[in-house]
C-alpha atoms as a PDB file:
ATOM      1  CA  MET A   1      26.302  54.983  -3.440  1.00  0.00           C
ATOM      2  CA  PRO A   2      28.862  54.751  -6.326  1.00  0.00           C
ATOM      3  CA  ARG A   3      28.861  50.932  -5.982  1.00  0.00           C
ATOM      4  CA  LEU A   4      25.057  50.847  -6.365  1.00  0.00           C
ATOM      5  CA  MET A   5      25.238  53.082  -9.435  1.00  0.00           C
ATOM      6  CA  PHE A   6      27.927  50.815 -10.933  1.00  0.00           C
ATOM      7  CA  ARG A   7      25.802  47.715 -10.356  1.00  0.00           C
ATOM      8  CA  LEU A   8      22.803  49.398 -11.972  1.00  0.00           C
ATOM      9  CA  PHE A   9      25.012  50.375 -14.917  1.00  0.00           C
ATOM     10  CA  ALA A  10      26.212  46.750 -15.184  1.00  0.00           C
ATOM     11  CA  LEU A  11      22.643  45.453 -15.091  1.00  0.00           C
ATOM     12  CA  LEU A  12      21.570  47.876 -17.824  1.00  0.00           C
ATOM     13  CA  LEU A  13      24.468  46.760 -20.009  1.00  0.00           C
ATOM     14  CA  MET A  14      23.578  43.115 -19.501  1.00  0.00           C
ATOM     15  CA  LEU A  15      19.931  43.699 -20.382  1.00  0.00           C
ATOM     16  CA  ALA A  16      20.752  45.738 -23.490  1.00  0.00           C
ATOM     17  CA  SER A  17      20.375  44.064 -26.889  1.00  0.00           C
ATOM     18  CA  PRO A  18      19.588  40.299 -26.877  1.00  0.00           C
ATOM     19  CA  ALA A  19      21.001  40.027 -30.413  1.00  0.00           C
ATOM     20  CA  LEU A  20      24.480  40.801 -29.097  1.00  0.00           C
ATOM     21  CA  ALA A  21      24.310  37.854 -26.697  1.00  0.00           C
ATOM     22  CA  GLN A  22      23.828  35.470 -29.623  1.00  0.00           C
ATOM     23  CA  GLN A  23      27.233  36.465 -31.020  1.00  0.00           C
ATOM     24  CA  GLY A  24      28.964  34.585 -28.191  1.00  0.00           C
ATOM     25  CA  VAL A  25      31.165  35.601 -25.320  1.00  0.00           C
ATOM     26  CA  GLN A  26      34.001  37.857 -26.426  1.00  0.00           C
ATOM     27  CA  ILE A  27      36.033  39.530 -23.723  1.00  0.00           C
ATOM     28  CA  ASN A  28      38.853  41.597 -25.180  1.00  0.00           C
ATOM     29  CA  PHE A  29      41.263  43.918 -23.399  1.00  0.00           C
ATOM     30  CA  GLY A  30      43.647  46.340 -24.946  1.00  0.00           C
ATOM     31  CA  GLN A  31      43.470  49.725 -26.595  1.00  0.00           C
ATOM     32  CA  SER A  32      40.536  51.158 -24.658  1.00  0.00           C
ATOM     33  CA  LEU A  33      42.252  50.488 -21.295  1.00  0.00           C
ATOM     34  CA  ARG A  34      45.666  51.773 -22.397  1.00  0.00           C
ATOM     35  CA  LEU A  35      46.827  55.118 -21.122  1.00  0.00           C
ATOM     36  CA  ASP A  36      48.669  56.999 -23.839  1.00  0.00           C
ATOM     37  CA  GLY A  37      50.955  60.020 -24.016  1.00  0.00           C
ATOM     38  CA  SER A  38      48.170  62.599 -23.816  1.00  0.00           C
ATOM     39  CA  ALA A  39      47.551  64.740 -20.733  1.00  0.00           C
ATOM     40  CA  LEU A  40      46.222  63.135 -17.569  1.00  0.00           C
ATOM     41  CA  GLU A  41      43.856  65.441 -15.682  1.00  0.00           C
ATOM     42  CA  VAL A  42      43.426  64.683 -11.973  1.00  0.00           C
ATOM     43  CA  THR A  43      41.081  66.358  -9.514  1.00  0.00           C
ATOM     44  CA  ALA A  44      41.030  65.529  -5.786  1.00  0.00           C
ATOM     45  CA  ASP A  45      40.457  67.006  -2.343  1.00  0.00           C
ATOM     46  CA  GLN A  46      44.161  66.892  -1.443  1.00  0.00           C
ATOM     47  CA  LEU A  47      47.607  66.545  -3.034  1.00  0.00           C
ATOM     48  CA  ASN A  48      50.802  65.333  -1.324  1.00  0.00           C
ATOM     49  CA  VAL A  49      54.238  65.149  -2.956  1.00  0.00           C
ATOM     50  CA  ASP A  50      56.998  62.955  -1.518  1.00  0.00           C
ATOM     51  CA  GLN A  51      60.237  64.826  -2.274  1.00  0.00           C
ATOM     52  CA  ALA A  52      62.364  61.770  -1.415  1.00  0.00           C
ATOM     53  CA  THR A  53      60.739  59.487  -3.988  1.00  0.00           C
ATOM     54  CA  GLY A  54      59.108  62.065  -6.242  1.00  0.00           C
ATOM     55  CA  ALA A  55      55.794  60.220  -5.951  1.00  0.00           C
ATOM     56  CA  THR A  56      52.582  62.207  -6.027  1.00  0.00           C
ATOM     57  CA  GLU A  57      49.491  61.161  -4.094  1.00  0.00           C
ATOM     58  CA  PHE A  58      46.004  62.520  -4.608  1.00  0.00           C
ATOM     59  CA  SER A  59      43.379  61.737  -1.990  1.00  0.00           C
ATOM     60  CA  GLY A  60      39.674  62.262  -1.429  1.00  0.00           C
ATOM     61  CA  ASN A  61      37.166  61.999  -4.287  1.00  0.00           C
ATOM     62  CA  VAL A  62      39.852  61.430  -6.909  1.00  0.00           C
ATOM     63  CA  LEU A  63      38.901  61.574 -10.583  1.00  0.00           C
ATOM     64  CA  ALA A  64      41.578  61.015 -13.226  1.00  0.00           C
ATOM     65  CA  ILE A  65      40.680  61.502 -16.885  1.00  0.00           C
ATOM     66  CA  GLN A  66      42.697  60.770 -19.996  1.00  0.00           C
ATOM     67  CA  GLY A  67      40.857  60.789 -23.274  1.00  0.00           C
ATOM     68  CA  GLU A  68      37.784  58.585 -22.831  1.00  0.00           C
ATOM     69  CA  MET A  69      39.142  56.716 -19.784  1.00  0.00           C
ATOM     70  CA  ARG A  70      38.041  57.737 -16.295  1.00  0.00           C
ATOM     71  CA  ILE A  71      39.438  56.445 -13.008  1.00  0.00           C
ATOM     72  CA  ALA A  72      37.598  57.252  -9.780  1.00  0.00           C
ATOM     73  CA  ALA A  73      38.969  56.293  -6.341  1.00  0.00           C
ATOM     74  CA  GLN A  74      39.598  57.596  -2.847  1.00  0.00           C
ATOM     75  CA  SER A  75      43.347  57.799  -3.486  1.00  0.00           C
ATOM     76  CA  LEU A  76      45.636  57.759  -6.504  1.00  0.00           C
ATOM     77  CA  ARG A  77      49.416  57.506  -6.262  1.00  0.00           C
ATOM     78  CA  LEU A  78      51.582  58.352  -9.268  1.00  0.00           C
ATOM     79  CA  GLU A  79      55.049  56.802  -9.232  1.00  0.00           C
ATOM     80  CA  TYR A  80      57.521  58.132 -11.745  1.00  0.00           C
ATOM     81  CA  ALA A  81      60.115  56.386 -13.905  1.00  0.00           C
ATOM     82  CA  GLY A  82      63.046  58.482 -15.146  1.00  0.00           C
ATOM     83  CA  SER A  83      63.169  59.068 -18.876  1.00  0.00           C
ATOM     84  CA  GLY A  84      66.877  58.290 -19.041  1.00  0.00           C
ATOM     85  CA  SER A  85      67.528  61.483 -20.984  1.00  0.00           C
ATOM     86  CA  GLY A  86      69.562  63.109 -18.227  1.00  0.00           C
ATOM     87  CA  THR A  87      67.325  66.203 -18.340  1.00  0.00           C
ATOM     88  CA  GLY A  88      65.590  65.444 -15.058  1.00  0.00           C
ATOM     89  CA  SER A  89      62.239  64.945 -16.777  1.00  0.00           C
ATOM     90  CA  GLN A  90      60.144  62.040 -15.598  1.00  0.00           C
ATOM     91  CA  ARG A  91      57.318  59.938 -16.929  1.00  0.00           C
ATOM     92  CA  ILE A  92      54.639  58.192 -14.927  1.00  0.00           C
ATOM     93  CA  GLY A  93      55.683  54.587 -14.408  1.00  0.00           C
ATOM     94  CA  ARG A  94      52.778  53.314 -12.285  1.00  0.00           C
ATOM     95  CA  LEU A  95      49.389  54.460 -11.088  1.00  0.00           C
ATOM     96  CA  ILE A  96      48.119  52.907  -7.856  1.00  0.00           C
ATOM     97  CA  ALA A  97      44.463  53.581  -7.078  1.00  0.00           C
ATOM     98  CA  SER A  98      42.700  52.438  -3.923  1.00  0.00           C
ATOM     99  CA  GLY A  99      39.418  52.840  -2.118  1.00  0.00           C
ATOM    100  CA  GLY A 100      36.448  51.975  -4.307  1.00  0.00           C
ATOM    101  CA  VAL A 101      38.250  52.069  -7.661  1.00  0.00           C
ATOM    102  CA  THR A 102      36.111  52.404 -10.779  1.00  0.00           C
ATOM    103  CA  MET A 103      37.612  52.527 -14.282  1.00  0.00           C
ATOM    104  CA  THR A 104      35.373  53.261 -17.252  1.00  0.00           C
ATOM    105  CA  THR A 105      35.894  53.539 -20.991  1.00  0.00           C
ATOM    106  CA  PRO A 106      33.303  53.493 -23.758  1.00  0.00           C
ATOM    107  CA  ASP A 107      33.885  49.705 -23.984  1.00  0.00           C
ATOM    108  CA  GLU A 108      34.507  48.527 -20.403  1.00  0.00           C
ATOM    109  CA  ALA A 109      33.677  49.250 -16.797  1.00  0.00           C
ATOM    110  CA  LEU A 110      35.773  47.787 -13.965  1.00  0.00           C
ATOM    111  CA  GLU A 111      35.402  48.037 -10.213  1.00  0.00           C
ATOM    112  CA  ALA A 112      37.729  46.858  -7.408  1.00  0.00           C
ATOM    113  CA  ARG A 113      39.219  47.882  -4.081  1.00  0.00           C
ATOM    114  CA  GLU A 114      42.686  48.507  -5.569  1.00  0.00           C
ATOM    115  CA  ALA A 115      44.204  48.844  -9.036  1.00  0.00           C
ATOM    116  CA  ILE A 116      47.850  48.932 -10.108  1.00  0.00           C
ATOM    117  CA  TYR A 117      48.469  50.139 -13.645  1.00  0.00           C
ATOM    118  CA  SER A 118      52.023  49.800 -14.995  1.00  0.00           C
ATOM    119  CA  LEU A 119      52.552  52.022 -18.010  1.00  0.00           C
ATOM    120  CA  GLN A 120      55.914  50.487 -18.973  1.00  0.00           C
ATOM    121  CA  ALA A 121      54.629  46.906 -18.857  1.00  0.00           C
ATOM    122  CA  GLN A 122      51.161  47.920 -20.126  1.00  0.00           C
ATOM    123  CA  SER A 123      49.628  45.752 -17.411  1.00  0.00           C
ATOM    124  CA  LEU A 124      46.689  46.209 -15.086  1.00  0.00           C
ATOM    125  CA  GLU A 125      46.096  44.328 -11.830  1.00  0.00           C
ATOM    126  CA  MET A 126      42.905  44.868  -9.852  1.00  0.00           C
ATOM    127  CA  THR A 127      42.214  43.227  -6.491  1.00  0.00           C
ATOM    128  CA  GLY A 128      39.341  42.965  -4.029  1.00  0.00           C
ATOM    129  CA  ALA A 129      35.772  42.295  -5.175  1.00  0.00           C
ATOM    130  CA  VAL A 130      36.605  42.836  -8.844  1.00  0.00           C
ATOM    131  CA  MET A 131      33.772  43.279 -11.320  1.00  0.00           C
ATOM    132  CA  LEU A 132      34.260  43.688 -15.054  1.00  0.00           C
ATOM    133  CA  VAL A 133      31.479  44.596 -17.464  1.00  0.00           C
ATOM    134  CA  GLN A 134      32.153  44.556 -21.187  1.00  0.00           C
ATOM    135  CA  GLY A 135      29.152  44.768 -23.452  1.00  0.00           C
ATOM    136  CA  GLN A 136      26.661  42.195 -22.192  1.00  0.00           C
ATOM    137  CA  ASN A 137      29.305  40.142 -20.410  1.00  0.00           C
ATOM    138  CA  MET A 138      30.013  40.411 -16.690  1.00  0.00           C
ATOM    139  CA  LEU A 139      32.864  38.752 -14.822  1.00  0.00           C
ATOM    140  CA  SER A 140      33.674  38.958 -11.150  1.00  0.00           C
ATOM    141  CA  GLY A 141      36.323  37.553  -8.847  1.00  0.00           C
ATOM    142  CA  GLU A 142      38.925  38.591  -6.302  1.00  0.00           C
ATOM    143  CA  ARG A 143      41.835  39.402  -8.635  1.00  0.00           C
ATOM    144  CA  PHE A 144      42.021  40.475 -12.265  1.00  0.00           C
ATOM    145  CA  VAL A 145      45.252  40.701 -14.273  1.00  0.00           C
ATOM    146  CA  ALA A 146      45.405  42.047 -17.842  1.00  0.00           C
ATOM    147  CA  ASP A 147      48.221  42.294 -20.366  1.00  0.00           C
ATOM    148  CA  LEU A 148      47.072  45.304 -22.361  1.00  0.00           C
ATOM    149  CA  ARG A 149      49.640  44.749 -25.136  1.00  0.00           C
ATOM    150  CA  SER A 150      48.322  41.305 -26.037  1.00  0.00           C
ATOM    151  CA  GLY A 151      44.721  42.009 -25.033  1.00  0.00           C
ATOM    152  CA  SER A 152      44.582  39.031 -22.657  1.00  0.00           C
ATOM    153  CA  GLY A 153      43.285  38.876 -19.110  1.00  0.00           C
ATOM    154  CA  GLN A 154      42.679  36.445 -16.265  1.00  0.00           C
ATOM    155  CA  MET A 155      40.257  36.509 -13.353  1.00  0.00           C
ATOM    156  CA  PHE A 156      41.073  34.601 -10.138  1.00  0.00           C
ATOM    157  CA  GLY A 157      39.297  33.733  -6.886  1.00  0.00           C
ATOM    158  CA  ARG A 158      35.803  32.249  -7.083  1.00  0.00           C
ATOM    159  CA  VAL A 159      35.115  33.571 -10.549  1.00  0.00           C
ATOM    160  CA  ARG A 160      31.545  34.318 -11.501  1.00  0.00           C
ATOM    161  CA  THR A 161      30.370  34.966 -15.061  1.00  0.00           C
ATOM    162  CA  ILE A 162      26.957  36.099 -16.242  1.00  0.00           C
ATOM    163  CA  ILE A 163      26.157  35.535 -19.912  1.00  0.00           C
ATOM    164  CA  ARG A 164      22.751  36.420 -21.326  1.00  0.00           C
ATOM    165  CA  MET A 165      21.678  33.557 -23.583  1.00  0.00           C
ATOM    166  CA  GLU A 166      18.685  35.004 -25.480  1.00  0.00           C
END
């Protein structure tokens, strides 16, 4: 059901204003997909903590929210990177989401089977039936890689693009 809702959302975005389509294809990545230092709120059916690695895994109907970004998936693993301060405090180094991953911001909507978000590198890699909707533009493929610092991205694996030309 979430996949159907996402596709309907994508279709509505593509059918929105014809005037926007005349401005040309502009796919930009960057600030709206960047997680920042503000609180990350996660809700899920279950939480497991691996004492050996310090990783935290949420499973079952996971919803992670930070600012205007939302990540929904069946599981979300948080891997920590030490702060180097010697105080024992840690920062999230990577988020690994799997099982029907949907990321939404006011500017983009992405869907895939798995997503790996590296906070240190400010990179995002999504794999498995990837669909990206940004404004009236829609891209799909098997693998999507974005450098959120530079705002660039690449789609791989039988790429499909839909551009409304009115």
